């Protein structure tokens, strides 16, 4: 391991250097997943944030991940003396050094970062700053400091404020007592004579100096403001803690529900096995049967000297994984065979049962796409060049199903070309990077097909699929030509759809892409129009229910990042495919 460097403030340096954040960096092994195991990563601890890079030379490119250590829990491993875990909520980083001393230095550095003074001002910083102006600047500085102090430290700050207020009250009380003494002494001049105004000499005779009321008022105001700000921060911390416990309870209830369902299935399987005269799979009476264990993530469940898996459990885990790989491959081969067969086409004279639904939903989505976003219910969440993306936050059964609407302009292509590439299953895998396989289950007509998509798995989420009909058509409204593509989930019954539903989590979706061609310059003769004159307005609307359970905040973060990427990637693909080709109107 490279020798890490520590930059600590010196006690005799300037105040700005005293407040300088701790920094620590070096190489550690980080557990990635079961495929790649432990990987060497360059770790950087700075400003209360622990970040990691693939190597030291990639620091200028950007970190691979980062967590705040202010609320982190650092746990040394029970058996592996070189390993420690950093836990923040549900996120756990498994880290390992090359030597025990290195591990201890890292743990100490993280603990120091947790306890480091923030710009908000802890008890120590308050004791360093005695003036009213320093107290005000430390108390009322910026709103970005709320994240850096724990409840216990805030209580310590309140105790410091209490000491300051006590000293201020004592000073004022001594002054008022001196005023009374001086006034009583002045009344000895006799009745009818007003008491003399206390002079500096009279106060000095009492052993006191006159008080600057203006300065004391500023100090008292700053102290009370600090008390109120700290109390407000304590209330926010309690509210955050309450929300965290509420979310934890919701997760525990969900886990309990899943375990109860699993127990019910196991009991049902045991009852069926008992009825057939064979012991249940989990019964010890079955000497030759093998009990399957669900292995959860983490390096404690991998092979190695500190593994918590027994020999039988390890064999069962490997065998189960190999069986799963074989089953997945057989399923994909089966789907490819079905895809190689030309899908059935409905006779032109017959009316398919889906056609009325296709017509109704297409008209609804087309009107929905043409509606504006100025009704006050849409919020813009991404803007880049001529692309703007809007959302409405909605939840169904605790799942985020936010409707999204995007408006984008691209040059050099027509509405028909954009919609054709979005609708055609033949080219979908060329631009849709999240799809692993596309199967056309049935061709309803020349403009409508029923598709089954298997999406790539994004760990730790379960793998998903989607079953939907896809329809493309041309619309003319008030002399304006539009091309429309609508994808909508369906309950189409087929063997492949049932097998896929049993294997994956089913995503429900409604997607509409509406495009309109604009021509710059002379458009009287379309045969003379060049691609430089073309401009296409794209309106993309989607409502996606991910199915199963997924964290709402995580889903919204993924939407915010991936939807702009998707739209830019798709339109870039269409432009590349259509350039130097005849224009398709």
Foldseek 3Di string as FASTA:
>chain_A
DPDKDWDAADPPDDPVSNQAAIKIKDWWWWQDFPVPGTAIWIWIQHLQKIFTDNDPVCVVVDTPDMDGLLQWDKAQDPPDLQWIWTDDQPDIITIGDPDNVVSVVVVVSSVCNNVRDDLLAFLVRPVVDDALVSLLCNNPPDPVCLVRDDLVRLVRVLVSLVVVVVVLVVVVVVVVVLQVVQQVVQPVVDPPDHRDDDDQVSQVVVVDGDDDVVRSVSNVVSSVSSNVSSVVSSVVNVVVVVVSVVVVVVVVVVVVVVVVVVVVVQVVQQVVCVVVVHGRLPDVVCVPHADADDDDIDPLCDDDPNRPDDPSRVVNVVVVVVVVVVVVVVLVVVLVVQQVDDAAEDDPVDDDPCPVVVVVLQVVVVVVLPDDDPPPQWDWQDDDDQKTKIWHFDDDPQATFIKMKMKHKDFLAFQVLLVVCVQDPVCCVVQPVQWDDKGFNHDHDPFKTWIKTWGDDDPPDWTEIETWMKGWDWDADPNFIKIKIWTFGDPDDDPSVVVRVVRGFYKGKIKMKMKGWDFADDDPDVVPGGRRRIMMMIMIIMTMGGGDDDNRVVVVVCCSPVVVVSVVSSVVVSNVVPPPHDHDD
